[in-house]
Amino acid sequence: MKREKTKIILTGYRATGKSTVGRLLAEKLGFAFLDTDPEIERECGQSIADMVAEHGWAYFRKVEQKFLESLIDRTDLVIAPGGGAILHQDVWEKLMKTSFVVWLKADVQTVCRRLAGDALSASQRPSLTGQDMIKEVQSVLLEREPLYENGCHLSISTESSLEEIVDEILTNWAGISR
């Protein structure tokens, strides 16, 4: 019987491990891996930071929504969308029908530690609110956590090892209807 969920989407806030987990997961499944932010940058010929600086967040969100729509019918794929992709609720509902969606969670302190430890964060992750890092993470998570919770089939804390996270995803994905 054919599997209903033909791709896996890893959702969650910045620095929760979507790209890292996604690459390993895709490798284990023999699927392609797609990190949406770099793909959007490649298609647009401009970094997200430059898009936001030049056109604003609303412009980037429209570009992101169009890109997500192009993924609805794709198969055999592991996708790591940007943390704000969950804001596109109309597209997200469609993606959930054809995808196994996993919310990768981390607490505020872990996210801030990871962002601070990533030399590329400032250039690749423009501020969403203009607040300091801790306040921004707290306020954005407060807004998005209900969306992440309602927009996933499984939630996993990323405090455990990479292998444990991937194994938990694979075990749960194997349990959904084929």
C-alpha atoms as a PDB file:
ATOM      1  CA  MET A   1       0.000   0.000   0.000  1.00  0.00           C
ATOM      2  CA  LYS A   2       1.221   3.508  -0.807  1.00  0.00           C
ATOM      3  CA  ARG A   3       2.442   5.758   2.016  1.00  0.00           C
ATOM      4  CA  GLU A   4       0.164   8.770   2.524  1.00  0.00           C
ATOM      5  CA  LYS A   5       2.889  11.033   3.914  1.00  0.00           C
ATOM      6  CA  THR A   6       5.569  11.121   1.237  1.00  0.00           C
ATOM      7  CA  LYS A   7       7.867  13.683   2.783  1.00  0.00           C
ATOM      8  CA  ILE A   8       9.005  14.865   6.201  1.00  0.00           C
ATOM      9  CA  ILE A   9       8.975  18.507   7.244  1.00  0.00           C
ATOM     10  CA  LEU A  10      10.949  19.655  10.267  1.00  0.00           C
ATOM     11  CA  THR A  11       9.422  22.781  11.747  1.00  0.00           C
ATOM     12  CA  GLY A  12      10.479  24.889  14.699  1.00  0.00           C
ATOM     13  CA  TYR A  13      12.157  28.105  15.713  1.00  0.00           C
ATOM     14  CA  ARG A  14      15.603  29.204  14.569  1.00  0.00           C
ATOM     15  CA  ALA A  15      18.519  27.111  15.827  1.00  0.00           C
ATOM     16  CA  THR A  16      16.427  24.096  16.836  1.00  0.00           C
ATOM     17  CA  GLY A  17      18.391  21.784  14.546  1.00  0.00           C
ATOM     18  CA  LYS A  18      16.136  21.550  11.499  1.00  0.00           C
ATOM     19  CA  SER A  19      18.984  21.587   8.970  1.00  0.00           C
ATOM     20  CA  THR A  20      21.273  19.287  10.936  1.00  0.00           C
ATOM     21  CA  VAL A  21      18.554  16.740  11.703  1.00  0.00           C
ATOM     22  CA  GLY A  22      17.150  17.067   8.182  1.00  0.00           C
ATOM     23  CA  ARG A  23      20.419  16.203   6.438  1.00  0.00           C
ATOM     24  CA  LEU A  24      20.918  13.072   8.530  1.00  0.00           C
ATOM     25  CA  LEU A  25      17.281  12.031   8.190  1.00  0.00           C
ATOM     26  CA  ALA A  26      17.377  12.441   4.397  1.00  0.00           C
ATOM     27  CA  GLU A  27      20.588  10.446   4.217  1.00  0.00           C
ATOM     28  CA  LYS A  28      19.082   7.567   6.226  1.00  0.00           C
ATOM     29  CA  LEU A  29      15.921   7.539   4.091  1.00  0.00           C
ATOM     30  CA  GLY A  30      17.629   8.011   0.738  1.00  0.00           C
ATOM     31  CA  PHE A  31      15.525  11.160   0.228  1.00  0.00           C
ATOM     32  CA  ALA A  32      16.608  14.543  -1.071  1.00  0.00           C
ATOM     33  CA  PHE A  33      17.141  17.249   1.552  1.00  0.00           C
ATOM     34  CA  LEU A  34      15.816  20.754   0.998  1.00  0.00           C
ATOM     35  CA  ASP A  35      16.703  23.666   3.279  1.00  0.00           C
ATOM     36  CA  THR A  36      14.211  26.308   2.169  1.00  0.00           C
ATOM     37  CA  ASP A  37      16.048  29.493   3.166  1.00  0.00           C
ATOM     38  CA  PRO A  38      19.188  28.826   1.056  1.00  0.00           C
ATOM     39  CA  GLU A  39      16.973  27.646  -1.833  1.00  0.00           C
ATOM     40  CA  ILE A  40      14.928  30.850  -1.681  1.00  0.00           C
ATOM     41  CA  GLU A  41      18.157  32.881  -1.606  1.00  0.00           C
ATOM     42  CA  ARG A  42      19.467  30.960  -4.632  1.00  0.00           C
ATOM     43  CA  GLU A  43      16.225  31.445  -6.587  1.00  0.00           C
ATOM     44  CA  CYS A  44      16.041  35.157  -5.743  1.00  0.00           C
ATOM     45  CA  GLY A  45      19.760  35.831  -6.164  1.00  0.00           C
ATOM     46  CA  GLN A  46      19.739  37.681  -2.853  1.00  0.00           C
ATOM     47  CA  SER A  47      20.268  36.797   0.803  1.00  0.00           C
ATOM     48  CA  ILE A  48      17.277  36.851   3.141  1.00  0.00           C
ATOM     49  CA  ALA A  49      18.987  39.573   5.161  1.00  0.00           C
ATOM     50  CA  ASP A  50      19.293  41.696   1.998  1.00  0.00           C
ATOM     51  CA  MET A  51      15.686  40.951   0.953  1.00  0.00           C
ATOM     52  CA  VAL A  52      14.418  42.020   4.363  1.00  0.00           C
ATOM     53  CA  ALA A  53      16.635  45.127   4.447  1.00  0.00           C
ATOM     54  CA  GLU A  54      15.580  46.163   0.951  1.00  0.00           C
ATOM     55  CA  HIS A  55      11.906  45.108   0.847  1.00  0.00           C
ATOM     56  CA  GLY A  56      10.857  44.224   4.424  1.00  0.00           C
ATOM     57  CA  TRP A  57       9.638  41.048   6.112  1.00  0.00           C
ATOM     58  CA  ALA A  58       6.264  41.116   4.313  1.00  0.00           C
ATOM     59  CA  TYR A  59       8.019  40.784   0.942  1.00  0.00           C
ATOM     60  CA  PHE A  60      10.126  37.861   2.138  1.00  0.00           C
ATOM     61  CA  ARG A  61       7.053  36.122   3.600  1.00  0.00           C
ATOM     62  CA  LYS A  62       5.304  36.333   0.196  1.00  0.00           C
ATOM     63  CA  VAL A  63       8.330  34.804  -1.521  1.00  0.00           C
ATOM     64  CA  GLU A  64       8.499  32.113   1.176  1.00  0.00           C
ATOM     65  CA  GLN A  65       4.790  31.294   0.813  1.00  0.00           C
ATOM     66  CA  LYS A  66       5.114  30.849  -2.946  1.00  0.00           C
ATOM     67  CA  PHE A  67       8.116  28.575  -2.438  1.00  0.00           C
ATOM     68  CA  LEU A  68       6.243  26.456   0.140  1.00  0.00           C
ATOM     69  CA  GLU A  69       3.323  26.087  -2.273  1.00  0.00           C
ATOM     70  CA  SER A  70       5.736  24.580  -4.813  1.00  0.00           C
ATOM     71  CA  LEU A  71       6.558  21.807  -2.317  1.00  0.00           C
ATOM     72  CA  ILE A  72       3.023  20.526  -1.704  1.00  0.00           C
ATOM     73  CA  ASP A  73       3.116  17.797  -4.355  1.00  0.00           C
ATOM     74  CA  ARG A  74       6.817  16.919  -4.075  1.00  0.00           C
ATOM     75  CA  THR A  75       7.697  13.486  -2.684  1.00  0.00           C
ATOM     76  CA  ASP A  76      10.636  11.617  -1.153  1.00  0.00           C
ATOM     77  CA  LEU A  77      11.943  14.754   0.457  1.00  0.00           C
ATOM     78  CA  VAL A  78      13.022  16.020   3.876  1.00  0.00           C
ATOM     79  CA  ILE A  79      12.353  19.746   4.224  1.00  0.00           C
ATOM     80  CA  ALA A  80      13.820  22.217   6.728  1.00  0.00           C
ATOM     81  CA  PRO A  81      11.770  25.399   6.327  1.00  0.00           C
ATOM     82  CA  GLY A  82      12.574  28.675   8.023  1.00  0.00           C
ATOM     83  CA  GLY A  83      11.121  29.127  11.487  1.00  0.00           C
ATOM     84  CA  GLY A  84       8.460  31.517  10.205  1.00  0.00           C
ATOM     85  CA  ALA A  85       7.109  29.162   7.533  1.00  0.00           C
ATOM     86  CA  ILE A  86       4.484  28.044  10.053  1.00  0.00           C
ATOM     87  CA  LEU A  87       2.888  31.501   9.698  1.00  0.00           C
ATOM     88  CA  HIS A  88       1.575  30.486   6.256  1.00  0.00           C
ATOM     89  CA  GLN A  89      -1.360  28.577   7.706  1.00  0.00           C
ATOM     90  CA  ASP A  90      -3.261  28.067   4.451  1.00  0.00           C
ATOM     91  CA  VAL A  91      -0.242  26.436   2.793  1.00  0.00           C
ATOM     92  CA  TRP A  92       0.719  24.636   6.016  1.00  0.00           C
ATOM     93  CA  GLU A  93      -2.626  22.806   6.124  1.00  0.00           C
ATOM     94  CA  LYS A  94      -1.989  21.488   2.608  1.00  0.00           C
ATOM     95  CA  LEU A  95       1.572  20.463   3.462  1.00  0.00           C
ATOM     96  CA  MET A  96       0.358  18.544   6.520  1.00  0.00           C
ATOM     97  CA  LYS A  97      -1.830  16.347   4.311  1.00  0.00           C
ATOM     98  CA  THR A  98       1.120  15.085   2.274  1.00  0.00           C
ATOM     99  CA  SER A  99       3.880  15.373   4.871  1.00  0.00           C
ATOM    100  CA  PHE A 100       4.854  13.986   8.253  1.00  0.00           C
ATOM    101  CA  VAL A 101       5.519  17.216  10.174  1.00  0.00           C
ATOM    102  CA  VAL A 102       7.868  17.159  13.160  1.00  0.00           C
ATOM    103  CA  TRP A 103       8.244  20.126  15.505  1.00  0.00           C
ATOM    104  CA  LEU A 104      11.805  20.346  16.818  1.00  0.00           C
ATOM    105  CA  LYS A 105      11.681  22.161  20.143  1.00  0.00           C
ATOM    106  CA  ALA A 106      14.302  23.910  22.255  1.00  0.00           C
ATOM    107  CA  ASP A 107      13.940  26.259  25.197  1.00  0.00           C
ATOM    108  CA  VAL A 108      14.803  29.966  25.040  1.00  0.00           C
ATOM    109  CA  GLN A 109      18.212  29.519  26.706  1.00  0.00           C
ATOM    110  CA  THR A 110      19.215  26.739  24.283  1.00  0.00           C
ATOM    111  CA  VAL A 111      18.105  28.730  21.235  1.00  0.00           C
ATOM    112  CA  CYS A 112      20.000  31.823  22.420  1.00  0.00           C
ATOM    113  CA  ARG A 113      23.130  29.796  23.188  1.00  0.00           C
ATOM    114  CA  ARG A 114      23.037  28.204  19.736  1.00  0.00           C
ATOM    115  CA  LEU A 115      22.408  31.516  17.976  1.00  0.00           C
ATOM    116  CA  ALA A 116      25.209  33.221  19.896  1.00  0.00           C
ATOM    117  CA  GLY A 117      27.570  30.358  19.084  1.00  0.00           C
ATOM    118  CA  ASP A 118      26.853  30.504  15.349  1.00  0.00           C
ATOM    119  CA  ALA A 119      29.168  32.992  13.649  1.00  0.00           C
ATOM    120  CA  LEU A 120      26.783  33.256  10.686  1.00  0.00           C
ATOM    121  CA  SER A 121      23.657  34.056  12.733  1.00  0.00           C
ATOM    122  CA  ALA A 122      23.894  37.827  12.401  1.00  0.00           C
ATOM    123  CA  SER A 123      24.350  37.741   8.625  1.00  0.00           C
ATOM    124  CA  GLN A 124      21.873  34.930   7.900  1.00  0.00           C
ATOM    125  CA  ARG A 125      19.181  35.540  10.502  1.00  0.00           C
ATOM    126  CA  PRO A 126      17.983  39.142  10.520  1.00  0.00           C
ATOM    127  CA  SER A 127      16.176  40.297  13.646  1.00  0.00           C
ATOM    128  CA  LEU A 128      12.453  39.649  13.585  1.00  0.00           C
ATOM    129  CA  THR A 129      11.501  42.289  16.152  1.00  0.00           C
ATOM    130  CA  GLY A 130      14.488  44.581  16.732  1.00  0.00           C
ATOM    131  CA  GLN A 131      14.624  43.491  20.381  1.00  0.00           C
ATOM    132  CA  ASP A 132      17.642  41.963  22.109  1.00  0.00           C
ATOM    133  CA  MET A 133      18.089  38.260  21.442  1.00  0.00           C
ATOM    134  CA  ILE A 134      16.483  36.852  24.598  1.00  0.00           C
ATOM    135  CA  LYS A 135      13.425  39.122  24.417  1.00  0.00           C
ATOM    136  CA  GLU A 136      13.021  38.413  20.707  1.00  0.00           C
ATOM    137  CA  VAL A 137      13.179  34.651  21.150  1.00  0.00           C
ATOM    138  CA  GLN A 138      10.727  34.800  24.066  1.00  0.00           C
ATOM    139  CA  SER A 139       8.195  36.968  22.248  1.00  0.00           C
ATOM    140  CA  VAL A 140       8.362  35.136  18.921  1.00  0.00           C
ATOM    141  CA  LEU A 141       8.100  31.726  20.593  1.00  0.00           C
ATOM    142  CA  LEU A 142       5.102  32.942  22.571  1.00  0.00           C
ATOM    143  CA  GLU A 143       3.409  33.843  19.274  1.00  0.00           C
ATOM    144  CA  ARG A 144       4.465  30.765  17.297  1.00  0.00           C
ATOM    145  CA  GLU A 145       4.358  27.890  19.785  1.00  0.00           C
ATOM    146  CA  PRO A 146       0.584  27.363  19.399  1.00  0.00           C
ATOM    147  CA  LEU A 147       1.073  27.266  15.614  1.00  0.00           C
ATOM    148  CA  TYR A 148       3.939  24.782  15.875  1.00  0.00           C
ATOM    149  CA  GLU A 149       1.924  22.623  18.267  1.00  0.00           C
ATOM    150  CA  ASN A 150      -1.165  22.561  16.052  1.00  0.00           C
ATOM    151  CA  GLY A 151       0.892  22.268  12.860  1.00  0.00           C
ATOM    152  CA  CYS A 152       2.742  19.044  13.590  1.00  0.00           C
ATOM    153  CA  HIS A 153       2.193  15.310  13.881  1.00  0.00           C
ATOM    154  CA  LEU A 154       5.041  14.870  16.380  1.00  0.00           C
ATOM    155  CA  SER A 155       7.031  17.162  18.673  1.00  0.00           C
ATOM    156  CA  ILE A 156      10.543  16.357  19.870  1.00  0.00           C
ATOM    157  CA  SER A 157      12.903  18.161  22.216  1.00  0.00           C
ATOM    158  CA  THR A 158      16.291  18.699  20.609  1.00  0.00           C
ATOM    159  CA  GLU A 159      18.091  18.370  23.931  1.00  0.00           C
ATOM    160  CA  SER A 160      18.943  14.703  23.208  1.00  0.00           C
ATOM    161  CA  SER A 161      21.551  13.392  20.761  1.00  0.00           C
ATOM    162  CA  LEU A 162      21.184  13.795  17.016  1.00  0.00           C
ATOM    163  CA  GLU A 163      20.928  10.022  16.560  1.00  0.00           C
ATOM    164  CA  GLU A 164      18.164   9.764  19.193  1.00  0.00           C
ATOM    165  CA  ILE A 165      16.190  12.541  17.528  1.00  0.00           C
ATOM    166  CA  VAL A 166      16.472  10.943  14.082  1.00  0.00           C
ATOM    167  CA  ASP A 167      15.584   7.494  15.458  1.00  0.00           C
ATOM    168  CA  GLU A 168      12.501   8.887  17.197  1.00  0.00           C
ATOM    169  CA  ILE A 169      11.343  10.560  13.983  1.00  0.00           C
ATOM    170  CA  LEU A 170      11.877   7.387  11.946  1.00  0.00           C
ATOM    171  CA  THR A 171      10.098   5.219  14.521  1.00  0.00           C
ATOM    172  CA  ASN A 172       7.074   7.520  14.598  1.00  0.00           C
ATOM    173  CA  TRP A 173       6.990   7.933  10.815  1.00  0.00           C
ATOM    174  CA  ALA A 174       7.028   4.157  10.404  1.00  0.00           C
ATOM    175  CA  GLY A 175       3.935   4.010  12.621  1.00  0.00           C
ATOM    176  CA  ILE A 176       1.768   6.190  10.375  1.00  0.00           C
ATOM    177  CA  SER A 177      -0.425   4.593   7.730  1.00  0.00           C
ATOM    178  CA  ARG A 178       1.204   3.220   4.640  1.00  0.00           C
END
